[in-house]
Amino acid sequence: MTLEILTPEGKVFSGEVTGVQLPGIDGVFEVLDKHAPLVSALKSGKLKVLKDKNATSIYNIQSGFVEVLHNKTMVLVEGAIEE
């Protein structure tokens, strides 16, 4: 699936991934390949990008939203810094 992480300053990440773990307002959840359409609010916390079975990246994000549609996940947040 394609993942994009966007902030008001610009694009932080864009690429093909196997999944992403997100800090939802009611708890952490995961979006995997071919996930059903979804829109959810996000709280500040850690976002984990699952690039493949052995490679991950972690971002500290501020609040925002995520949209999943047609195997593309778009994360729109106030700020994101890679650890």
N, C-alpha and C. Protein backbone atom coordinates (compact mmCIF):
# COMPACT_ATOMS: atom_id res chain seq x y z
N MET A 1 0.85 -1.17 0.00
CA MET A 1 0.00 0.00 0.00
C MET A 1 0.89 1.23 0.00
N THR A 2 0.35 2.33 -0.44
CA THR A 2 1.07 3.60 -0.46
C THR A 2 0.75 4.38 0.81
N LEU A 3 1.79 4.94 1.43
CA LEU A 3 1.62 5.76 2.63
C LEU A 3 2.20 7.14 2.37
N GLU A 4 1.44 8.17 2.75
CA GLU A 4 1.94 9.54 2.72
C GLU A 4 1.69 10.17 4.08
N ILE A 5 2.72 10.81 4.63
CA ILE A 5 2.61 11.56 5.88
C ILE A 5 2.85 13.02 5.52
N LEU A 6 1.82 13.85 5.75
CA LEU A 6 1.88 15.26 5.37
C LEU A 6 1.68 16.16 6.59
N THR A 7 2.44 17.26 6.63
CA THR A 7 2.28 18.30 7.65
C THR A 7 2.06 19.62 6.93
N PRO A 8 1.70 20.69 7.64
CA PRO A 8 1.57 21.99 6.98
C PRO A 8 2.87 22.46 6.31
N GLU A 9 4.01 21.96 6.79
CA GLU A 9 5.31 22.34 6.20
C GLU A 9 5.65 21.55 4.95
N GLY A 10 4.99 20.40 4.74
CA GLY A 10 5.26 19.61 3.54
C GLY A 10 5.21 18.12 3.80
N LYS A 11 5.65 17.35 2.80
CA LYS A 11 5.62 15.90 2.85
C LYS A 11 6.77 15.38 3.70
N VAL A 12 6.45 14.51 4.68
CA VAL A 12 7.45 13.94 5.57
C VAL A 12 7.87 12.55 5.08
N PHE A 13 6.90 11.79 4.54
CA PHE A 13 7.18 10.44 4.05
C PHE A 13 6.23 10.13 2.91
N SER A 14 6.74 9.41 1.92
CA SER A 14 5.91 8.92 0.83
C SER A 14 6.57 7.66 0.29
N GLY A 15 5.79 6.56 0.25
CA GLY A 15 6.35 5.33 -0.29
C GLY A 15 5.47 4.14 -0.07
N GLU A 16 5.93 2.99 -0.56
CA GLU A 16 5.21 1.73 -0.42
C GLU A 16 5.59 1.08 0.91
N VAL A 17 4.57 0.64 1.65
CA VAL A 17 4.77 0.01 2.95
C VAL A 17 3.86 -1.21 3.07
N THR A 18 4.14 -2.05 4.08
CA THR A 18 3.27 -3.19 4.33
C THR A 18 2.20 -2.86 5.36
N GLY A 19 2.43 -1.81 6.16
CA GLY A 19 1.44 -1.42 7.16
C GLY A 19 1.90 -0.19 7.93
N VAL A 20 0.99 0.31 8.77
CA VAL A 20 1.31 1.46 9.62
C VAL A 20 0.49 1.35 10.91
N GLN A 21 1.15 1.64 12.05
CA GLN A 21 0.48 1.67 13.34
C GLN A 21 0.28 3.13 13.71
N LEU A 22 -0.94 3.48 14.13
CA LEU A 22 -1.32 4.87 14.35
C LEU A 22 -1.91 5.08 15.74
N PRO A 23 -1.65 6.25 16.36
CA PRO A 23 -2.22 6.55 17.68
C PRO A 23 -3.60 7.20 17.55
N GLY A 24 -4.63 6.38 17.47
CA GLY A 24 -6.00 6.90 17.38
C GLY A 24 -6.43 7.50 18.71
N ILE A 25 -7.49 8.28 18.69
CA ILE A 25 -7.94 8.93 19.93
C ILE A 25 -8.47 7.93 20.95
N ASP A 26 -8.87 6.73 20.50
CA ASP A 26 -9.35 5.69 21.41
C ASP A 26 -8.33 4.57 21.59
N GLY A 27 -7.13 4.73 21.06
CA GLY A 27 -6.09 3.71 21.19
C GLY A 27 -5.35 3.49 19.89
N VAL A 28 -4.27 2.72 19.99
CA VAL A 28 -3.43 2.44 18.82
C VAL A 28 -4.16 1.43 17.92
N PHE A 29 -4.08 1.67 16.60
CA PHE A 29 -4.63 0.72 15.63
C PHE A 29 -3.68 0.60 14.45
N GLU A 30 -3.87 -0.45 13.66
CA GLU A 30 -2.97 -0.74 12.55
C GLU A 30 -3.75 -0.82 11.24
N VAL A 31 -3.16 -0.29 10.20
CA VAL A 31 -3.72 -0.37 8.85
C VAL A 31 -2.75 -1.20 8.01
N LEU A 32 -3.29 -2.25 7.39
CA LEU A 32 -2.48 -3.14 6.55
C LEU A 32 -2.92 -3.05 5.10
N ASP A 33 -2.19 -3.73 4.23
CA ASP A 33 -2.48 -3.74 2.80
C ASP A 33 -3.93 -4.12 2.54
N LYS A 34 -4.57 -3.42 1.62
CA LYS A 34 -5.96 -3.64 1.20
C LYS A 34 -6.98 -3.45 2.32
N HIS A 35 -6.69 -2.52 3.23
CA HIS A 35 -7.60 -2.21 4.34
C HIS A 35 -8.88 -1.58 3.81
N ALA A 36 -9.97 -1.77 4.51
CA ALA A 36 -11.24 -1.14 4.15
C ALA A 36 -11.13 0.38 4.28
N PRO A 37 -11.94 1.14 3.54
CA PRO A 37 -11.92 2.60 3.65
C PRO A 37 -12.16 3.04 5.10
N LEU A 38 -11.45 4.10 5.50
CA LEU A 38 -11.47 4.54 6.89
C LEU A 38 -11.07 6.00 6.99
N VAL A 39 -11.70 6.74 7.90
CA VAL A 39 -11.26 8.07 8.29
C VAL A 39 -11.27 8.09 9.80
N SER A 40 -10.17 8.55 10.42
CA SER A 40 -10.09 8.55 11.88
C SER A 40 -9.26 9.73 12.36
N ALA A 41 -9.61 10.23 13.55
CA ALA A 41 -8.81 11.27 14.20
C ALA A 41 -7.62 10.62 14.89
N LEU A 42 -6.52 11.35 14.93
CA LEU A 42 -5.30 10.88 15.58
C LEU A 42 -4.93 11.82 16.72
N LYS A 43 -4.33 11.25 17.77
CA LYS A 43 -3.80 12.08 18.85
C LYS A 43 -2.28 12.08 18.75
N SER A 44 -1.64 12.95 19.49
CA SER A 44 -0.19 12.98 19.52
C SER A 44 0.34 11.65 20.03
N GLY A 45 1.43 11.18 19.43
CA GLY A 45 2.02 9.91 19.85
C GLY A 45 2.99 9.39 18.81
N LYS A 46 3.22 8.09 18.85
CA LYS A 46 4.17 7.46 17.94
C LYS A 46 3.43 6.78 16.79
N LEU A 47 3.89 7.05 15.58
CA LEU A 47 3.40 6.41 14.37
C LEU A 47 4.51 5.49 13.88
N LYS A 48 4.19 4.22 13.68
CA LYS A 48 5.19 3.24 13.27
C LYS A 48 4.93 2.80 11.84
N VAL A 49 5.90 3.02 10.97
CA VAL A 49 5.81 2.64 9.56
C VAL A 49 6.45 1.27 9.40
N LEU A 50 5.68 0.30 8.89
CA LEU A 50 6.18 -1.05 8.66
C LEU A 50 6.55 -1.16 7.18
N LYS A 51 7.83 -0.93 6.89
CA LYS A 51 8.28 -0.92 5.50
C LYS A 51 8.33 -2.32 4.92
N ASP A 52 8.80 -3.28 5.70
CA ASP A 52 8.74 -4.70 5.35
C ASP A 52 8.91 -5.49 6.64
N LYS A 53 9.16 -6.79 6.55
CA LYS A 53 9.22 -7.61 7.77
C LYS A 53 10.34 -7.21 8.71
N ASN A 54 11.42 -6.61 8.19
CA ASN A 54 12.58 -6.29 9.02
C ASN A 54 12.85 -4.81 9.18
N ALA A 55 12.18 -3.95 8.46
CA ALA A 55 12.47 -2.51 8.49
C ALA A 55 11.27 -1.71 8.96
N THR A 56 11.50 -0.88 9.96
CA THR A 56 10.45 0.01 10.46
C THR A 56 11.03 1.40 10.68
N SER A 57 10.15 2.39 10.69
CA SER A 57 10.51 3.76 11.04
C SER A 57 9.48 4.25 12.04
N ILE A 58 9.91 5.08 12.97
CA ILE A 58 9.00 5.62 13.97
C ILE A 58 9.03 7.15 13.88
N TYR A 59 7.83 7.73 13.89
CA TYR A 59 7.68 9.18 13.86
C TYR A 59 6.90 9.61 15.10
N ASN A 60 7.34 10.69 15.73
CA ASN A 60 6.56 11.33 16.79
C ASN A 60 5.66 12.34 16.09
N ILE A 61 4.34 12.13 16.21
CA ILE A 61 3.42 13.00 15.49
C ILE A 61 2.58 13.82 16.47
N GLN A 62 2.08 14.93 15.96
CA GLN A 62 1.09 15.72 16.68
C GLN A 62 -0.27 15.31 16.14
N SER A 63 -1.33 15.84 16.71
CA SER A 63 -2.67 15.42 16.34
C SER A 63 -2.98 15.68 14.87
N GLY A 64 -3.97 14.94 14.37
CA GLY A 64 -4.38 15.09 12.98
C GLY A 64 -5.41 14.05 12.60
N PHE A 65 -5.36 13.64 11.33
CA PHE A 65 -6.33 12.68 10.78
C PHE A 65 -5.63 11.70 9.86
N VAL A 66 -6.28 10.55 9.64
CA VAL A 66 -5.82 9.57 8.67
C VAL A 66 -7.01 9.20 7.78
N GLU A 67 -6.72 9.02 6.49
CA GLU A 67 -7.73 8.55 5.54
C GLU A 67 -7.14 7.36 4.80
N VAL A 68 -7.92 6.27 4.72
CA VAL A 68 -7.52 5.08 3.96
C VAL A 68 -8.55 4.90 2.86
N LEU A 69 -8.07 4.86 1.60
CA LEU A 69 -8.97 4.71 0.46
C LEU A 69 -8.19 4.16 -0.73
N HIS A 70 -8.70 3.12 -1.36
CA HIS A 70 -8.10 2.52 -2.56
C HIS A 70 -6.63 2.14 -2.34
N ASN A 71 -6.34 1.51 -1.20
CA ASN A 71 -5.00 1.02 -0.84
C ASN A 71 -3.97 2.15 -0.71
N LYS A 72 -4.45 3.34 -0.38
CA LYS A 72 -3.57 4.48 -0.11
C LYS A 72 -3.94 5.05 1.25
N THR A 73 -2.95 5.24 2.10
CA THR A 73 -3.15 5.79 3.44
C THR A 73 -2.53 7.18 3.49
N MET A 74 -3.35 8.18 3.78
CA MET A 74 -2.90 9.56 3.85
C MET A 74 -3.02 10.03 5.31
N VAL A 75 -1.88 10.40 5.90
CA VAL A 75 -1.84 10.88 7.28
C VAL A 75 -1.60 12.38 7.23
N LEU A 76 -2.54 13.15 7.77
CA LEU A 76 -2.43 14.61 7.81
C LEU A 76 -2.31 15.03 9.27
N VAL A 77 -1.14 15.54 9.66
CA VAL A 77 -0.88 15.87 11.07
C VAL A 77 -0.25 17.27 11.18
N GLU A 78 -0.34 17.83 12.38
CA GLU A 78 0.21 19.16 12.64
C GLU A 78 1.74 19.17 12.61
N GLY A 79 2.35 18.04 12.93
CA GLY A 79 3.80 17.93 12.91
C GLY A 79 4.24 16.48 13.00
N ALA A 80 5.44 16.17 12.45
CA ALA A 80 5.96 14.81 12.50
C ALA A 80 7.48 14.88 12.45
N ILE A 81 8.12 14.18 13.41
CA ILE A 81 9.58 14.14 13.46
C ILE A 81 10.00 12.67 13.55
N GLU A 82 10.91 12.27 12.65
CA GLU A 82 11.38 10.87 12.66
C GLU A 82 12.34 10.67 13.81
N GLU A 83 12.21 9.53 14.50
CA GLU A 83 13.12 9.19 15.60
C GLU A 83 14.40 8.63 15.05
